[in-house]
Amino acid sequence: MEEGMMEEYLAERFGLQRRAWDQYSPLTLAYIGDAVYDLIIRSVLVKRANCQTGKLHLRASSLVKAGTQAEMITALQPHLTEEEQGVYRRGHNAKPYNTAKNATRREYLEATGFEALIGYLYLNGDHQRMIDLVKLGLEESGHAL
């Protein structure tokens, strides 16, 4: 299926309507962004090495944790557009109901902002920008795959 075709097919099959990104709460953007970022990381790891799932899980877990995401968004700040920075700030300033067990509050809020940004890019269909930012964030934060 070509890029964008999955979203179109999903919308058609489930009767979904397109919304402006600012109609979503920042925590909703972070919710979908968390899943999409996890899928990107898992996809890269699986396609690079067909190995034991335990090893894949350990590597993926180290990359999707709040601390790593906080490092990534810090490294990405100079590369974000004004709109992307606004999305990040909305996510960062949201009041999450829980916190990560292995992260500081600051790391958790930064990770929530990062996930909101990923969710925003995903829902807007800007997958190329999303993937480019994930790759750049991993590289610039010292977590290159």
N, C-alpha and C. Protein backbone atom coordinates (compact mmCIF):
# COMPACT_ATOMS: atom_id res chain seq x y z
N MET A 1 0.84 -1.18 0.00
CA MET A 1 0.00 0.00 0.00
C MET A 1 0.89 1.25 0.00
N GLU A 2 0.62 2.19 -0.85
CA GLU A 2 1.42 3.41 -0.95
C GLU A 2 1.24 4.27 0.29
N GLU A 3 2.23 5.17 0.51
CA GLU A 3 2.16 6.07 1.65
C GLU A 3 0.87 6.87 1.59
N GLY A 4 0.19 6.98 2.71
CA GLY A 4 -1.06 7.71 2.79
C GLY A 4 -2.27 6.86 2.47
N MET A 5 -2.05 5.77 1.75
CA MET A 5 -3.16 4.90 1.37
C MET A 5 -3.76 4.20 2.58
N MET A 6 -2.92 3.82 3.54
CA MET A 6 -3.44 3.14 4.72
C MET A 6 -4.39 4.06 5.48
N GLU A 7 -4.00 5.33 5.67
CA GLU A 7 -4.84 6.27 6.40
C GLU A 7 -6.16 6.50 5.67
N GLU A 8 -6.08 6.63 4.34
CA GLU A 8 -7.29 6.82 3.55
C GLU A 8 -8.20 5.60 3.66
N TYR A 9 -7.62 4.42 3.57
CA TYR A 9 -8.40 3.19 3.66
C TYR A 9 -9.00 3.04 5.06
N LEU A 10 -8.21 3.33 6.08
CA LEU A 10 -8.69 3.28 7.45
C LEU A 10 -9.88 4.23 7.63
N ALA A 11 -9.74 5.46 7.15
CA ALA A 11 -10.81 6.45 7.28
C ALA A 11 -12.06 6.00 6.53
N GLU A 12 -11.86 5.44 5.35
CA GLU A 12 -13.00 4.97 4.56
C GLU A 12 -13.71 3.82 5.25
N ARG A 13 -12.96 2.83 5.69
CA ARG A 13 -13.55 1.62 6.28
C ARG A 13 -14.24 1.88 7.62
N PHE A 14 -13.72 2.85 8.38
CA PHE A 14 -14.27 3.11 9.71
C PHE A 14 -15.07 4.41 9.78
N GLY A 15 -15.23 5.09 8.65
CA GLY A 15 -16.01 6.31 8.62
C GLY A 15 -15.40 7.43 9.45
N LEU A 16 -14.09 7.59 9.36
CA LEU A 16 -13.38 8.60 10.15
C LEU A 16 -13.29 9.91 9.38
N GLN A 17 -13.43 11.02 10.10
CA GLN A 17 -13.28 12.32 9.47
C GLN A 17 -11.97 12.95 9.91
N ARG A 18 -11.38 13.72 9.00
CA ARG A 18 -10.12 14.40 9.30
C ARG A 18 -10.41 15.59 10.21
N ARG A 19 -9.55 15.77 11.20
CA ARG A 19 -9.65 16.89 12.13
C ARG A 19 -8.39 17.72 12.07
N ALA A 20 -8.53 18.98 12.47
CA ALA A 20 -7.34 19.81 12.63
C ALA A 20 -6.61 19.32 13.88
N TRP A 21 -5.29 19.39 13.84
CA TRP A 21 -4.50 18.85 14.94
C TRP A 21 -4.83 19.52 16.26
N ASP A 22 -5.18 20.81 16.24
CA ASP A 22 -5.44 21.51 17.50
C ASP A 22 -6.79 21.16 18.10
N GLN A 23 -7.56 20.29 17.44
CA GLN A 23 -8.80 19.78 18.03
C GLN A 23 -8.54 18.58 18.94
N TYR A 24 -7.33 18.08 18.91
CA TYR A 24 -6.95 16.97 19.79
C TYR A 24 -6.30 17.54 21.04
N SER A 25 -6.56 16.92 22.17
CA SER A 25 -5.86 17.34 23.38
C SER A 25 -4.40 16.93 23.26
N PRO A 26 -3.49 17.63 23.93
CA PRO A 26 -2.08 17.26 23.83
C PRO A 26 -1.82 15.85 24.35
N LEU A 27 -2.58 15.41 25.33
CA LEU A 27 -2.37 14.05 25.84
C LEU A 27 -2.88 13.00 24.86
N THR A 28 -3.89 13.35 24.05
CA THR A 28 -4.35 12.43 23.00
C THR A 28 -3.29 12.34 21.91
N LEU A 29 -2.69 13.47 21.55
CA LEU A 29 -1.59 13.44 20.58
C LEU A 29 -0.44 12.58 21.10
N ALA A 30 -0.12 12.73 22.39
CA ALA A 30 0.96 11.94 23.00
C ALA A 30 0.60 10.46 23.03
N TYR A 31 -0.66 10.15 23.26
CA TYR A 31 -1.12 8.75 23.30
C TYR A 31 -0.85 8.05 21.96
N ILE A 32 -1.26 8.69 20.87
CA ILE A 32 -1.03 8.06 19.56
C ILE A 32 0.45 8.16 19.19
N GLY A 33 1.10 9.26 19.56
CA GLY A 33 2.52 9.42 19.26
C GLY A 33 3.38 8.37 19.92
N ASP A 34 3.03 7.99 21.14
CA ASP A 34 3.76 6.94 21.86
C ASP A 34 3.70 5.63 21.07
N ALA A 35 2.52 5.28 20.60
CA ALA A 35 2.37 4.03 19.85
C ALA A 35 3.10 4.07 18.51
N VAL A 36 3.02 5.20 17.83
CA VAL A 36 3.67 5.33 16.52
C VAL A 36 5.19 5.29 16.68
N TYR A 37 5.71 6.02 17.67
CA TYR A 37 7.16 6.01 17.90
C TYR A 37 7.63 4.59 18.23
N ASP A 38 6.90 3.90 19.06
CA ASP A 38 7.24 2.52 19.41
C ASP A 38 7.25 1.64 18.15
N LEU A 39 6.27 1.83 17.29
CA LEU A 39 6.21 1.04 16.05
C LEU A 39 7.39 1.36 15.13
N ILE A 40 7.78 2.63 15.04
CA ILE A 40 8.95 2.99 14.23
C ILE A 40 10.18 2.28 14.74
N ILE A 41 10.42 2.37 16.05
CA ILE A 41 11.61 1.74 16.65
C ILE A 41 11.58 0.24 16.44
N ARG A 42 10.46 -0.40 16.73
CA ARG A 42 10.37 -1.85 16.56
C ARG A 42 10.56 -2.27 15.10
N SER A 43 9.99 -1.48 14.18
CA SER A 43 10.13 -1.80 12.76
C SER A 43 11.59 -1.76 12.34
N VAL A 44 12.31 -0.73 12.74
CA VAL A 44 13.73 -0.61 12.38
C VAL A 44 14.52 -1.77 12.98
N LEU A 45 14.29 -2.05 14.26
CA LEU A 45 15.04 -3.12 14.91
C LEU A 45 14.79 -4.47 14.27
N VAL A 46 13.53 -4.78 13.97
CA VAL A 46 13.19 -6.07 13.37
C VAL A 46 13.77 -6.19 11.96
N LYS A 47 13.69 -5.11 11.19
CA LYS A 47 14.18 -5.17 9.81
C LYS A 47 15.70 -5.18 9.74
N ARG A 48 16.35 -4.70 10.79
CA ARG A 48 17.83 -4.72 10.82
C ARG A 48 18.37 -6.06 11.30
N ALA A 49 17.67 -6.70 12.21
CA ALA A 49 18.20 -7.94 12.78
C ALA A 49 17.08 -8.87 13.19
N ASN A 50 17.03 -10.01 12.56
CA ASN A 50 16.06 -11.04 12.93
C ASN A 50 16.68 -11.85 14.06
N CYS A 51 16.44 -11.41 15.30
CA CYS A 51 17.05 -12.08 16.45
C CYS A 51 15.98 -12.40 17.49
N GLN A 52 16.41 -12.88 18.62
CA GLN A 52 15.48 -13.27 19.68
C GLN A 52 14.65 -12.07 20.13
N THR A 53 13.38 -12.35 20.40
CA THR A 53 12.48 -11.27 20.79
C THR A 53 12.89 -10.62 22.11
N GLY A 54 13.51 -11.36 22.98
CA GLY A 54 13.99 -10.79 24.24
C GLY A 54 15.04 -9.71 23.99
N LYS A 55 15.94 -9.97 23.06
CA LYS A 55 16.96 -8.98 22.71
C LYS A 55 16.33 -7.77 22.03
N LEU A 56 15.37 -8.01 21.15
CA LEU A 56 14.67 -6.91 20.51
C LEU A 56 13.96 -6.04 21.54
N HIS A 57 13.32 -6.70 22.50
CA HIS A 57 12.58 -5.97 23.53
C HIS A 57 13.51 -5.10 24.38
N LEU A 58 14.65 -5.65 24.77
CA LEU A 58 15.59 -4.87 25.58
C LEU A 58 16.09 -3.65 24.83
N ARG A 59 16.42 -3.80 23.55
CA ARG A 59 16.90 -2.67 22.76
C ARG A 59 15.79 -1.64 22.55
N ALA A 60 14.60 -2.11 22.22
CA ALA A 60 13.47 -1.20 22.01
C ALA A 60 13.15 -0.46 23.30
N SER A 61 13.13 -1.16 24.42
CA SER A 61 12.81 -0.53 25.70
C SER A 61 13.78 0.59 26.04
N SER A 62 15.04 0.41 25.69
CA SER A 62 16.03 1.45 26.00
C SER A 62 15.81 2.70 25.14
N LEU A 63 15.16 2.54 24.00
CA LEU A 63 14.95 3.67 23.09
C LEU A 63 13.60 4.35 23.24
N VAL A 64 12.63 3.66 23.81
CA VAL A 64 11.29 4.26 23.94
C VAL A 64 11.03 4.80 25.34
N LYS A 65 11.98 4.65 26.24
CA LYS A 65 11.77 5.14 27.61
C LYS A 65 11.80 6.67 27.65
N ALA A 66 11.20 7.23 28.67
CA ALA A 66 11.05 8.68 28.80
C ALA A 66 12.39 9.40 28.78
N GLY A 67 13.39 8.87 29.43
CA GLY A 67 14.69 9.52 29.48
C GLY A 67 15.32 9.69 28.11
N THR A 68 15.22 8.66 27.28
CA THR A 68 15.76 8.73 25.92
C THR A 68 14.97 9.73 25.09
N GLN A 69 13.65 9.70 25.21
CA GLN A 69 12.82 10.65 24.47
C GLN A 69 13.12 12.08 24.89
N ALA A 70 13.36 12.31 26.17
CA ALA A 70 13.70 13.65 26.66
C ALA A 70 15.02 14.11 26.06
N GLU A 71 16.00 13.22 25.98
CA GLU A 71 17.28 13.56 25.35
C GLU A 71 17.09 13.88 23.87
N MET A 72 16.23 13.12 23.21
CA MET A 72 15.99 13.33 21.79
C MET A 72 15.35 14.69 21.52
N ILE A 73 14.33 15.04 22.29
CA ILE A 73 13.63 16.30 22.02
C ILE A 73 14.54 17.49 22.35
N THR A 74 15.40 17.34 23.31
CA THR A 74 16.37 18.40 23.60
C THR A 74 17.29 18.61 22.41
N ALA A 75 17.76 17.52 21.83
CA ALA A 75 18.64 17.60 20.66
C ALA A 75 17.91 18.13 19.43
N LEU A 76 16.61 17.89 19.36
CA LEU A 76 15.83 18.29 18.19
C LEU A 76 15.39 19.75 18.21
N GLN A 77 15.40 20.39 19.36
CA GLN A 77 14.85 21.75 19.47
C GLN A 77 15.30 22.69 18.36
N PRO A 78 16.59 22.78 18.03
CA PRO A 78 17.00 23.72 16.98
C PRO A 78 16.45 23.39 15.59
N HIS A 79 15.97 22.18 15.40
CA HIS A 79 15.53 21.72 14.09
C HIS A 79 14.01 21.80 13.89
N LEU A 80 13.28 22.17 14.94
CA LEU A 80 11.82 22.19 14.87
C LEU A 80 11.32 23.51 14.28
N THR A 81 10.24 23.41 13.53
CA THR A 81 9.57 24.61 13.03
C THR A 81 8.83 25.26 14.20
N GLU A 82 8.35 26.48 13.99
CA GLU A 82 7.59 27.15 15.05
C GLU A 82 6.34 26.36 15.42
N GLU A 83 5.66 25.83 14.41
CA GLU A 83 4.45 25.05 14.70
C GLU A 83 4.80 23.79 15.48
N GLU A 84 5.86 23.12 15.10
CA GLU A 84 6.28 21.91 15.83
C GLU A 84 6.66 22.24 17.26
N GLN A 85 7.34 23.36 17.47
CA GLN A 85 7.68 23.77 18.82
C GLN A 85 6.42 24.04 19.63
N GLY A 86 5.40 24.62 18.99
CA GLY A 86 4.13 24.86 19.68
C GLY A 86 3.45 23.56 20.09
N VAL A 87 3.47 22.57 19.22
CA VAL A 87 2.89 21.26 19.54
C VAL A 87 3.66 20.64 20.70
N TYR A 88 4.99 20.70 20.63
CA TYR A 88 5.82 20.16 21.71
C TYR A 88 5.47 20.84 23.04
N ARG A 89 5.39 22.16 23.03
CA ARG A 89 5.08 22.90 24.27
C ARG A 89 3.71 22.51 24.83
N ARG A 90 2.72 22.35 23.94
CA ARG A 90 1.38 21.93 24.40
C ARG A 90 1.48 20.57 25.09
N GLY A 91 2.22 19.65 24.51
CA GLY A 91 2.38 18.33 25.12
C GLY A 91 3.17 18.39 26.41
N HIS A 92 4.23 19.17 26.40
CA HIS A 92 5.08 19.32 27.59
C HIS A 92 4.32 19.95 28.74
N ASN A 93 3.45 20.91 28.46
CA ASN A 93 2.73 21.63 29.50
C ASN A 93 1.44 20.95 29.93
N ALA A 94 1.08 19.84 29.28
CA ALA A 94 -0.12 19.10 29.66
C ALA A 94 0.05 18.55 31.07
N LYS A 95 -1.05 18.28 31.69
CA LYS A 95 -1.02 17.73 33.06
C LYS A 95 -1.35 16.24 33.01
N PRO A 96 -0.35 15.41 32.80
CA PRO A 96 -0.61 13.96 32.74
C PRO A 96 -1.06 13.43 34.10
N TYR A 97 -1.88 12.40 34.05
CA TYR A 97 -2.42 11.82 35.28
C TYR A 97 -1.42 10.91 35.98
N ASN A 98 -0.46 10.41 35.25
CA ASN A 98 0.54 9.52 35.85
C ASN A 98 1.93 9.97 35.43
N THR A 99 2.91 9.33 35.99
CA THR A 99 4.30 9.61 35.63
C THR A 99 5.02 8.29 35.40
N ALA A 100 6.13 8.35 34.71
CA ALA A 100 6.92 7.14 34.47
C ALA A 100 7.59 6.71 35.76
N LYS A 101 7.68 5.41 35.95
CA LYS A 101 8.30 4.93 37.18
C LYS A 101 9.82 5.07 37.18
N ASN A 102 10.43 5.12 36.01
CA ASN A 102 11.89 5.21 35.94
C ASN A 102 12.37 6.50 35.29
N ALA A 103 11.63 7.59 35.52
CA ALA A 103 12.01 8.88 34.93
C ALA A 103 11.67 9.99 35.91
N THR A 104 12.39 11.09 35.79
CA THR A 104 12.06 12.26 36.60
C THR A 104 10.81 12.91 36.02
N ARG A 105 10.21 13.80 36.77
CA ARG A 105 9.03 14.52 36.26
C ARG A 105 9.40 15.33 35.02
N ARG A 106 10.56 15.98 35.02
CA ARG A 106 11.01 16.76 33.87
C ARG A 106 11.13 15.87 32.63
N GLU A 107 11.78 14.71 32.79
CA GLU A 107 11.93 13.79 31.66
C GLU A 107 10.56 13.34 31.15
N TYR A 108 9.66 13.06 32.08
CA TYR A 108 8.34 12.59 31.68
C TYR A 108 7.59 13.66 30.89
N LEU A 109 7.67 14.91 31.33
CA LEU A 109 6.99 15.99 30.62
C LEU A 109 7.62 16.24 29.26
N GLU A 110 8.94 16.18 29.17
CA GLU A 110 9.61 16.34 27.88
C GLU A 110 9.25 15.20 26.94
N ALA A 111 9.19 13.99 27.48
CA ALA A 111 8.81 12.83 26.66
C ALA A 111 7.37 12.96 26.19
N THR A 112 6.50 13.48 27.04
CA THR A 112 5.11 13.68 26.64
C THR A 112 5.03 14.70 25.51
N GLY A 113 5.83 15.75 25.57
CA GLY A 113 5.89 16.72 24.48
C GLY A 113 6.41 16.10 23.19
N PHE A 114 7.44 15.27 23.30
CA PHE A 114 7.99 14.57 22.15
C PHE A 114 6.93 13.67 21.52
N GLU A 115 6.23 12.91 22.35
CA GLU A 115 5.19 12.01 21.84
C GLU A 115 4.05 12.79 21.20
N ALA A 116 3.70 13.94 21.77
CA ALA A 116 2.66 14.79 21.18
C ALA A 116 3.09 15.24 19.78
N LEU A 117 4.36 15.60 19.64
CA LEU A 117 4.88 16.01 18.34
C LEU A 117 4.78 14.86 17.33
N ILE A 118 5.17 13.68 17.74
CA ILE A 118 5.09 12.51 16.85
C ILE A 118 3.64 12.25 16.48
N GLY A 119 2.74 12.33 17.45
CA GLY A 119 1.31 12.14 17.18
C GLY A 119 0.77 13.17 16.20
N TYR A 120 1.17 14.40 16.37
CA TYR A 120 0.77 15.48 15.47
C TYR A 120 1.23 15.20 14.04
N LEU A 121 2.49 14.84 13.88
CA LEU A 121 3.01 14.56 12.54
C LEU A 121 2.32 13.35 11.93
N TYR A 122 2.07 12.34 12.74
CA TYR A 122 1.39 11.14 12.24
C TYR A 122 -0.03 11.46 11.78
N LEU A 123 -0.79 12.15 12.62
CA LEU A 123 -2.18 12.44 12.28
C LEU A 123 -2.29 13.39 11.10
N ASN A 124 -1.29 14.23 10.89
CA ASN A 124 -1.29 15.13 9.74
C ASN A 124 -0.76 14.45 8.48
N GLY A 125 -0.34 13.21 8.60
CA GLY A 125 0.15 12.47 7.44
C GLY A 125 1.54 12.89 7.00
N ASP A 126 2.26 13.58 7.87
CA ASP A 126 3.62 14.03 7.54
C ASP A 126 4.63 12.99 8.02
N HIS A 127 4.52 11.81 7.46
CA HIS A 127 5.32 10.68 7.92
C HIS A 127 6.80 10.84 7.61
N GLN A 128 7.11 11.46 6.49
CA GLN A 128 8.52 11.66 6.15
C GLN A 128 9.19 12.55 7.19
N ARG A 129 8.55 13.66 7.54
CA ARG A 129 9.11 14.56 8.56
C ARG A 129 9.23 13.83 9.90
N MET A 130 8.21 13.06 10.23
CA MET A 130 8.21 12.32 11.49
C MET A 130 9.40 11.36 11.55
N ILE A 131 9.61 10.60 10.51
CA ILE A 131 10.70 9.63 10.49
C ILE A 131 12.05 10.34 10.48
N ASP A 132 12.14 11.43 9.72
CA ASP A 132 13.39 12.20 9.69
C ASP A 132 13.74 12.74 11.08
N LEU A 133 12.74 13.25 11.81
CA LEU A 133 13.00 13.77 13.15
C LEU A 133 13.39 12.66 14.12
N VAL A 134 12.75 11.50 14.02
CA VAL A 134 13.12 10.38 14.89
C VAL A 134 14.57 9.99 14.62
N LYS A 135 14.94 9.86 13.37
CA LYS A 135 16.32 9.48 13.03
C LYS A 135 17.30 10.53 13.52
N LEU A 136 17.02 11.79 13.26
CA LEU A 136 17.90 12.87 13.69
C LEU A 136 17.99 12.94 15.21
N GLY A 137 16.86 12.79 15.88
CA GLY A 137 16.86 12.81 17.35
C GLY A 137 17.68 11.68 17.94
N LEU A 138 17.57 10.50 17.37
CA LEU A 138 18.36 9.37 17.84
C LEU A 138 19.85 9.63 17.63
N GLU A 139 20.20 10.11 16.45
CA GLU A 139 21.60 10.36 16.14
C GLU A 139 22.19 11.47 17.02
N GLU A 140 21.50 12.59 17.12
CA GLU A 140 22.03 13.74 17.85
C GLU A 140 22.04 13.55 19.35
N SER A 141 21.25 12.61 19.85
CA SER A 141 21.25 12.34 21.29
C SER A 141 22.17 11.18 21.64
N GLY A 142 22.86 10.63 20.64
CA GLY A 142 23.79 9.53 20.89
C GLY A 142 23.13 8.17 20.99
N HIS A 143 21.93 8.02 20.44
CA HIS A 143 21.21 6.75 20.49
C HIS A 143 20.97 6.18 19.10
N ALA A 144 21.86 6.45 18.18
CA ALA A 144 21.68 5.98 16.81
C ALA A 144 21.51 4.47 16.77
N LEU A 145 20.63 4.03 15.90
CA LEU A 145 20.38 2.59 15.77
C LEU A 145 21.45 1.93 14.94
